[in-house]
Amino acid sequence: MFKEKKTHNKYSLKLKQSNHILKYGRFGIKSVSFNRLTLNQLNALKWIISKKLKVLTNNRKHFRFWTLLSMNLTLTKFNIESRMGKGKGSIYTHAVYIKPGMILFEFDNITEQQMKNLFDYILKKISLKVKLIK
């Protein structure tokens, strides 16, 4: 098991890939605002999307779904009673900073009507402003 690095910078300065164009699927969900998603929020979103896709496609596993986010931040926290100083604190979760224009999810092998239904459903569940791209 490797040791997690506690970073002070918010995100990596160089992007490994361009993340504003579709790479894998026909449809995508693109962010329009700045925000931060934690690991738990991202896992909940993935679970919600996969459940809704199964309902929309009548339990057929023909759809394809990609998550294009990678965690680039470790969130640390001290105890409430701890004094000032003495370092940084332990890691309690990982997060990702989202910039406008980043593609969060990509979809393939679903119809346009199914994608519109899914996007309307995701819009209610996600905490940031997103738009649908083709």
N, C-alpha and C. Protein backbone atom coordinates (compact mmCIF):
# COMPACT_ATOMS: atom_id res chain seq x y z
N MET A 1 0.84 -1.18 0.00
CA MET A 1 0.00 0.00 0.00
C MET A 1 0.88 1.24 0.00
N PHE A 2 0.59 2.18 -0.89
CA PHE A 2 1.41 3.37 -0.98
C PHE A 2 0.85 4.47 -0.08
N LYS A 3 1.74 5.37 0.32
CA LYS A 3 1.36 6.45 1.20
C LYS A 3 0.81 7.61 0.38
N GLU A 4 -0.34 8.14 0.80
CA GLU A 4 -0.95 9.26 0.11
C GLU A 4 -0.19 10.54 0.42
N LYS A 5 -0.01 11.37 -0.58
CA LYS A 5 0.71 12.62 -0.40
C LYS A 5 -0.27 13.73 -0.04
N LYS A 6 0.01 14.46 1.01
CA LYS A 6 -0.82 15.58 1.42
C LYS A 6 -0.36 16.81 0.65
N THR A 7 -1.21 17.33 -0.19
CA THR A 7 -0.81 18.45 -1.03
C THR A 7 -1.45 19.74 -0.55
N HIS A 8 -0.77 20.85 -0.78
CA HIS A 8 -1.33 22.16 -0.48
C HIS A 8 -1.94 22.79 -1.72
N ASN A 9 -1.45 22.40 -2.90
CA ASN A 9 -2.04 22.98 -4.11
C ASN A 9 -3.39 22.34 -4.38
N LYS A 10 -4.26 23.08 -5.01
CA LYS A 10 -5.64 22.63 -5.19
C LYS A 10 -5.79 21.61 -6.31
N TYR A 11 -5.05 21.73 -7.39
CA TYR A 11 -5.16 20.80 -8.50
C TYR A 11 -3.86 20.84 -9.29
N SER A 12 -3.66 19.83 -10.09
CA SER A 12 -2.44 19.78 -10.89
C SER A 12 -2.50 20.86 -11.97
N LEU A 13 -1.36 21.49 -12.23
CA LEU A 13 -1.34 22.61 -13.16
C LEU A 13 -1.46 22.16 -14.61
N LYS A 14 -0.90 21.02 -14.94
CA LYS A 14 -0.94 20.53 -16.31
C LYS A 14 -1.97 19.42 -16.42
N LEU A 15 -2.84 19.53 -17.40
CA LEU A 15 -3.82 18.49 -17.65
C LEU A 15 -3.18 17.43 -18.55
N LYS A 16 -3.40 16.17 -18.23
CA LYS A 16 -2.81 15.10 -19.00
C LYS A 16 -3.49 14.93 -20.35
N GLN A 17 -4.74 15.33 -20.43
CA GLN A 17 -5.47 15.20 -21.68
C GLN A 17 -6.44 16.36 -21.79
N SER A 18 -6.85 16.64 -23.00
CA SER A 18 -7.85 17.69 -23.17
C SER A 18 -9.18 17.10 -22.76
N ASN A 19 -9.87 17.77 -21.86
CA ASN A 19 -11.10 17.21 -21.33
C ASN A 19 -12.29 18.11 -21.63
N HIS A 20 -12.31 18.71 -22.81
CA HIS A 20 -13.45 19.53 -23.19
C HIS A 20 -14.12 19.04 -24.47
N ILE A 21 -13.64 17.93 -25.04
CA ILE A 21 -14.26 17.35 -26.23
C ILE A 21 -14.61 15.89 -25.94
N LEU A 22 -15.59 15.38 -26.66
CA LEU A 22 -16.00 13.98 -26.49
C LEU A 22 -14.94 13.05 -27.06
N LYS A 23 -14.61 12.00 -26.33
CA LYS A 23 -13.59 11.05 -26.78
C LYS A 23 -14.17 9.66 -27.03
N TYR A 24 -15.08 9.22 -26.17
CA TYR A 24 -15.52 7.83 -26.21
C TYR A 24 -16.95 7.66 -26.70
N GLY A 25 -17.85 8.51 -26.25
CA GLY A 25 -19.26 8.28 -26.52
C GLY A 25 -19.89 9.29 -27.46
N ARG A 26 -21.20 9.13 -27.63
CA ARG A 26 -21.98 10.01 -28.49
C ARG A 26 -22.51 11.23 -27.74
N PHE A 27 -22.82 11.04 -26.47
CA PHE A 27 -23.35 12.12 -25.64
C PHE A 27 -22.42 12.36 -24.47
N GLY A 28 -22.48 13.57 -23.94
CA GLY A 28 -21.65 13.89 -22.79
C GLY A 28 -22.34 14.89 -21.90
N ILE A 29 -21.89 14.95 -20.65
CA ILE A 29 -22.36 15.94 -19.69
C ILE A 29 -21.17 16.82 -19.35
N LYS A 30 -21.31 18.12 -19.65
CA LYS A 30 -20.22 19.08 -19.50
C LYS A 30 -20.57 20.07 -18.40
N SER A 31 -19.59 20.43 -17.58
CA SER A 31 -19.83 21.39 -16.50
C SER A 31 -19.81 22.81 -17.05
N VAL A 32 -20.58 23.69 -16.41
CA VAL A 32 -20.65 25.08 -16.80
C VAL A 32 -20.13 25.97 -15.68
N SER A 33 -19.97 25.42 -14.48
CA SER A 33 -19.55 26.22 -13.33
C SER A 33 -18.40 25.54 -12.60
N PHE A 34 -17.75 26.30 -11.73
CA PHE A 34 -16.71 25.77 -10.86
C PHE A 34 -17.36 25.04 -9.69
N ASN A 35 -16.75 23.96 -9.24
CA ASN A 35 -17.23 23.25 -8.07
C ASN A 35 -16.20 22.23 -7.64
N ARG A 36 -16.47 21.57 -6.52
CA ARG A 36 -15.61 20.50 -6.02
C ARG A 36 -16.49 19.32 -5.68
N LEU A 37 -16.12 18.14 -6.18
CA LEU A 37 -16.84 16.91 -5.86
C LEU A 37 -15.94 16.02 -5.02
N THR A 38 -16.48 15.49 -3.94
CA THR A 38 -15.72 14.54 -3.13
C THR A 38 -15.92 13.13 -3.68
N LEU A 39 -15.15 12.21 -3.15
CA LEU A 39 -15.21 10.82 -3.61
C LEU A 39 -16.60 10.22 -3.37
N ASN A 40 -17.20 10.52 -2.22
CA ASN A 40 -18.53 9.99 -1.91
C ASN A 40 -19.58 10.55 -2.86
N GLN A 41 -19.50 11.83 -3.18
CA GLN A 41 -20.46 12.44 -4.10
C GLN A 41 -20.33 11.84 -5.50
N LEU A 42 -19.10 11.62 -5.94
CA LEU A 42 -18.88 11.05 -7.26
C LEU A 42 -19.38 9.61 -7.33
N ASN A 43 -19.13 8.82 -6.29
CA ASN A 43 -19.62 7.44 -6.28
C ASN A 43 -21.15 7.40 -6.26
N ALA A 44 -21.77 8.32 -5.53
CA ALA A 44 -23.23 8.37 -5.49
C ALA A 44 -23.79 8.74 -6.86
N LEU A 45 -23.13 9.68 -7.55
CA LEU A 45 -23.57 10.05 -8.90
C LEU A 45 -23.46 8.88 -9.87
N LYS A 46 -22.35 8.14 -9.81
CA LYS A 46 -22.17 6.98 -10.68
C LYS A 46 -23.27 5.95 -10.44
N TRP A 47 -23.60 5.71 -9.16
CA TRP A 47 -24.61 4.73 -8.80
C TRP A 47 -25.97 5.16 -9.30
N ILE A 48 -26.31 6.45 -9.12
CA ILE A 48 -27.59 6.98 -9.57
C ILE A 48 -27.72 6.87 -11.08
N ILE A 49 -26.65 7.22 -11.80
CA ILE A 49 -26.68 7.18 -13.26
C ILE A 49 -26.84 5.75 -13.76
N SER A 50 -26.11 4.81 -13.18
CA SER A 50 -26.21 3.43 -13.65
C SER A 50 -27.60 2.85 -13.36
N LYS A 51 -28.19 3.19 -12.21
CA LYS A 51 -29.54 2.71 -11.90
C LYS A 51 -30.56 3.29 -12.87
N LYS A 52 -30.47 4.58 -13.16
CA LYS A 52 -31.42 5.22 -14.07
C LYS A 52 -31.25 4.70 -15.50
N LEU A 53 -30.00 4.42 -15.92
CA LEU A 53 -29.78 3.86 -17.25
C LEU A 53 -30.40 2.48 -17.38
N LYS A 54 -30.32 1.68 -16.32
CA LYS A 54 -30.94 0.35 -16.35
C LYS A 54 -32.45 0.45 -16.50
N VAL A 55 -33.06 1.43 -15.82
CA VAL A 55 -34.50 1.62 -15.92
C VAL A 55 -34.87 2.09 -17.32
N LEU A 56 -34.12 3.03 -17.87
CA LEU A 56 -34.43 3.58 -19.19
C LEU A 56 -34.25 2.57 -20.31
N THR A 57 -33.30 1.65 -20.16
CA THR A 57 -33.03 0.69 -21.23
C THR A 57 -33.64 -0.69 -20.95
N ASN A 58 -34.58 -0.76 -20.01
CA ASN A 58 -35.29 -2.01 -19.68
C ASN A 58 -34.34 -3.14 -19.28
N ASN A 59 -33.39 -2.82 -18.42
CA ASN A 59 -32.42 -3.79 -17.88
C ASN A 59 -31.53 -4.43 -18.93
N ARG A 60 -31.40 -3.81 -20.09
CA ARG A 60 -30.43 -4.30 -21.07
C ARG A 60 -29.09 -3.66 -20.78
N LYS A 61 -28.05 -4.42 -20.92
CA LYS A 61 -26.71 -3.93 -20.59
C LYS A 61 -25.96 -3.46 -21.85
N HIS A 62 -26.69 -2.93 -22.83
CA HIS A 62 -26.04 -2.52 -24.07
C HIS A 62 -25.46 -1.12 -24.00
N PHE A 63 -25.86 -0.33 -23.02
CA PHE A 63 -25.34 1.03 -22.93
C PHE A 63 -23.91 1.04 -22.44
N ARG A 64 -23.19 2.11 -22.78
CA ARG A 64 -21.82 2.30 -22.30
C ARG A 64 -21.74 3.64 -21.61
N PHE A 65 -20.92 3.71 -20.56
CA PHE A 65 -20.92 4.87 -19.68
C PHE A 65 -19.52 5.05 -19.12
N TRP A 66 -18.92 6.24 -19.32
CA TRP A 66 -17.56 6.53 -18.87
C TRP A 66 -17.58 7.68 -17.88
N THR A 67 -16.74 7.57 -16.85
CA THR A 67 -16.51 8.67 -15.92
C THR A 67 -15.11 9.20 -16.21
N LEU A 68 -15.01 10.48 -16.53
CA LEU A 68 -13.74 11.04 -16.96
C LEU A 68 -13.05 11.85 -15.87
N LEU A 69 -13.48 11.71 -14.63
CA LEU A 69 -12.90 12.48 -13.54
C LEU A 69 -11.91 11.61 -12.77
N SER A 70 -10.78 12.20 -12.41
CA SER A 70 -9.83 11.51 -11.55
C SER A 70 -9.56 12.40 -10.35
N MET A 71 -9.47 11.78 -9.21
CA MET A 71 -9.28 12.53 -7.97
C MET A 71 -7.90 13.19 -7.97
N ASN A 72 -7.86 14.52 -7.80
CA ASN A 72 -6.58 15.21 -7.84
C ASN A 72 -6.32 16.03 -6.58
N LEU A 73 -7.04 15.74 -5.51
CA LEU A 73 -6.89 16.52 -4.29
C LEU A 73 -7.15 15.63 -3.09
N THR A 74 -6.35 15.77 -2.06
CA THR A 74 -6.60 15.08 -0.81
C THR A 74 -7.06 16.11 0.22
N LEU A 75 -8.17 15.82 0.88
CA LEU A 75 -8.70 16.72 1.89
C LEU A 75 -8.27 16.23 3.26
N THR A 76 -7.69 17.12 4.05
CA THR A 76 -7.19 16.77 5.38
C THR A 76 -7.98 17.50 6.44
N LYS A 77 -7.91 16.95 7.68
CA LYS A 77 -8.70 17.53 8.75
C LYS A 77 -8.03 17.23 10.09
N PHE A 78 -8.04 18.23 10.96
CA PHE A 78 -7.57 18.06 12.33
C PHE A 78 -8.76 17.82 13.25
N ASN A 79 -8.49 17.31 14.46
CA ASN A 79 -9.54 17.22 15.47
C ASN A 79 -9.97 18.62 15.88
N ILE A 80 -11.14 18.73 16.45
CA ILE A 80 -11.66 20.04 16.86
C ILE A 80 -10.85 20.62 18.02
N GLU A 81 -10.42 19.76 18.94
CA GLU A 81 -9.73 20.24 20.14
C GLU A 81 -8.24 20.45 19.94
N SER A 82 -7.71 20.21 18.76
CA SER A 82 -6.26 20.29 18.58
C SER A 82 -5.79 21.74 18.55
N ARG A 83 -4.56 21.95 19.03
CA ARG A 83 -4.00 23.30 19.05
C ARG A 83 -3.42 23.66 17.68
N MET A 84 -3.06 24.91 17.55
CA MET A 84 -2.48 25.39 16.30
C MET A 84 -1.09 24.76 16.08
N GLY A 85 -0.70 24.64 14.84
CA GLY A 85 0.61 24.09 14.52
C GLY A 85 0.58 22.58 14.44
N LYS A 86 1.72 21.98 14.58
CA LYS A 86 1.89 20.51 14.60
C LYS A 86 1.50 19.84 13.29
N GLY A 87 1.70 20.52 12.16
CA GLY A 87 1.53 19.84 10.88
C GLY A 87 0.15 19.98 10.27
N LYS A 88 -0.16 19.04 9.41
CA LYS A 88 -1.32 19.20 8.54
C LYS A 88 -2.55 18.40 8.93
N GLY A 89 -2.53 17.31 9.51
CA GLY A 89 -3.73 16.54 9.81
C GLY A 89 -3.85 15.34 8.88
N SER A 90 -4.77 14.46 9.24
CA SER A 90 -4.90 13.22 8.47
C SER A 90 -5.87 13.39 7.31
N ILE A 91 -5.68 12.55 6.30
CA ILE A 91 -6.52 12.58 5.11
C ILE A 91 -7.86 11.96 5.45
N TYR A 92 -8.96 12.67 5.14
CA TYR A 92 -10.27 12.07 5.39
C TYR A 92 -11.03 11.75 4.11
N THR A 93 -10.69 12.34 2.99
CA THR A 93 -11.31 11.96 1.72
C THR A 93 -10.51 12.56 0.56
N HIS A 94 -10.88 12.16 -0.63
CA HIS A 94 -10.28 12.71 -1.85
C HIS A 94 -11.34 13.52 -2.59
N ALA A 95 -10.88 14.44 -3.42
CA ALA A 95 -11.82 15.30 -4.15
C ALA A 95 -11.25 15.64 -5.52
N VAL A 96 -12.09 16.24 -6.33
CA VAL A 96 -11.67 16.72 -7.64
C VAL A 96 -12.27 18.11 -7.83
N TYR A 97 -11.46 19.04 -8.31
CA TYR A 97 -11.94 20.37 -8.65
C TYR A 97 -12.43 20.34 -10.08
N ILE A 98 -13.60 20.88 -10.29
CA ILE A 98 -14.21 20.89 -11.62
C ILE A 98 -14.21 22.32 -12.14
N LYS A 99 -13.70 22.48 -13.36
CA LYS A 99 -13.67 23.78 -14.01
C LYS A 99 -14.75 23.81 -15.09
N PRO A 100 -15.18 25.00 -15.49
CA PRO A 100 -16.15 25.07 -16.59
C PRO A 100 -15.54 24.51 -17.88
N GLY A 101 -16.33 23.71 -18.58
CA GLY A 101 -15.87 23.12 -19.83
C GLY A 101 -15.40 21.69 -19.70
N MET A 102 -15.23 21.19 -18.47
CA MET A 102 -14.78 19.81 -18.30
C MET A 102 -15.94 18.86 -18.55
N ILE A 103 -15.65 17.76 -19.26
CA ILE A 103 -16.66 16.72 -19.46
C ILE A 103 -16.60 15.76 -18.30
N LEU A 104 -17.74 15.56 -17.66
CA LEU A 104 -17.80 14.71 -16.48
C LEU A 104 -18.09 13.25 -16.84
N PHE A 105 -19.10 13.03 -17.69
CA PHE A 105 -19.52 11.68 -18.06
C PHE A 105 -19.75 11.63 -19.56
N GLU A 106 -19.54 10.44 -20.14
CA GLU A 106 -19.85 10.19 -21.55
C GLU A 106 -20.70 8.95 -21.66
N PHE A 107 -21.60 8.94 -22.65
CA PHE A 107 -22.55 7.84 -22.82
C PHE A 107 -22.55 7.40 -24.28
N ASP A 108 -22.84 6.12 -24.49
CA ASP A 108 -22.94 5.58 -25.84
C ASP A 108 -23.98 4.47 -25.83
N ASN A 109 -24.48 4.14 -27.03
CA ASN A 109 -25.48 3.09 -27.25
C ASN A 109 -26.79 3.35 -26.53
N ILE A 110 -27.18 4.62 -26.43
CA ILE A 110 -28.52 4.96 -25.95
C ILE A 110 -29.12 5.97 -26.93
N THR A 111 -30.45 6.04 -26.95
CA THR A 111 -31.11 6.95 -27.88
C THR A 111 -31.09 8.37 -27.34
N GLU A 112 -31.43 9.30 -28.22
CA GLU A 112 -31.43 10.71 -27.82
C GLU A 112 -32.52 11.00 -26.79
N GLN A 113 -33.66 10.35 -26.93
CA GLN A 113 -34.75 10.55 -25.97
C GLN A 113 -34.37 10.00 -24.59
N GLN A 114 -33.72 8.84 -24.56
CA GLN A 114 -33.25 8.28 -23.28
C GLN A 114 -32.22 9.20 -22.64
N MET A 115 -31.36 9.80 -23.46
CA MET A 115 -30.34 10.71 -22.92
C MET A 115 -30.99 11.97 -22.36
N LYS A 116 -32.01 12.49 -23.01
CA LYS A 116 -32.70 13.67 -22.49
C LYS A 116 -33.37 13.37 -21.15
N ASN A 117 -34.00 12.20 -21.05
CA ASN A 117 -34.62 11.79 -19.78
C ASN A 117 -33.58 11.65 -18.68
N LEU A 118 -32.45 11.04 -19.02
CA LEU A 118 -31.37 10.86 -18.05
C LEU A 118 -30.80 12.21 -17.62
N PHE A 119 -30.61 13.13 -18.57
CA PHE A 119 -30.05 14.44 -18.25
C PHE A 119 -30.99 15.23 -17.34
N ASP A 120 -32.29 15.17 -17.59
CA ASP A 120 -33.25 15.85 -16.71
C ASP A 120 -33.20 15.29 -15.30
N TYR A 121 -33.00 13.98 -15.20
CA TYR A 121 -32.90 13.34 -13.89
C TYR A 121 -31.61 13.73 -13.17
N ILE A 122 -30.50 13.76 -13.90
CA ILE A 122 -29.20 14.11 -13.31
C ILE A 122 -29.18 15.57 -12.87
N LEU A 123 -29.83 16.43 -13.62
CA LEU A 123 -29.87 17.86 -13.33
C LEU A 123 -30.43 18.13 -11.93
N LYS A 124 -31.38 17.31 -11.50
CA LYS A 124 -31.97 17.47 -10.17
C LYS A 124 -31.04 16.95 -9.07
N LYS A 125 -30.18 15.99 -9.41
CA LYS A 125 -29.36 15.32 -8.40
C LYS A 125 -27.97 15.92 -8.22
N ILE A 126 -27.45 16.62 -9.23
CA ILE A 126 -26.07 17.09 -9.17
C ILE A 126 -26.04 18.51 -8.60
N SER A 127 -24.94 18.85 -7.93
CA SER A 127 -24.86 20.13 -7.24
C SER A 127 -24.17 21.22 -8.04
N LEU A 128 -23.95 21.00 -9.32
CA LEU A 128 -23.32 22.02 -10.15
C LEU A 128 -24.08 22.19 -11.45
N LYS A 129 -23.82 23.27 -12.14
CA LYS A 129 -24.51 23.54 -13.40
C LYS A 129 -23.83 22.76 -14.52
N VAL A 130 -24.64 22.01 -15.26
CA VAL A 130 -24.12 21.17 -16.35
C VAL A 130 -24.98 21.37 -17.58
N LYS A 131 -24.44 20.95 -18.75
CA LYS A 131 -25.20 20.96 -19.97
C LYS A 131 -24.92 19.69 -20.76
N LEU A 132 -25.85 19.36 -21.63
CA LEU A 132 -25.76 18.16 -22.44
C LEU A 132 -25.10 18.49 -23.77
N ILE A 133 -24.13 17.68 -24.19
CA ILE A 133 -23.47 17.89 -25.48
C ILE A 133 -23.57 16.62 -26.32
N LYS A 134 -23.50 16.82 -27.64
CA LYS A 134 -23.58 15.69 -28.57
C LYS A 134 -22.30 15.60 -29.37
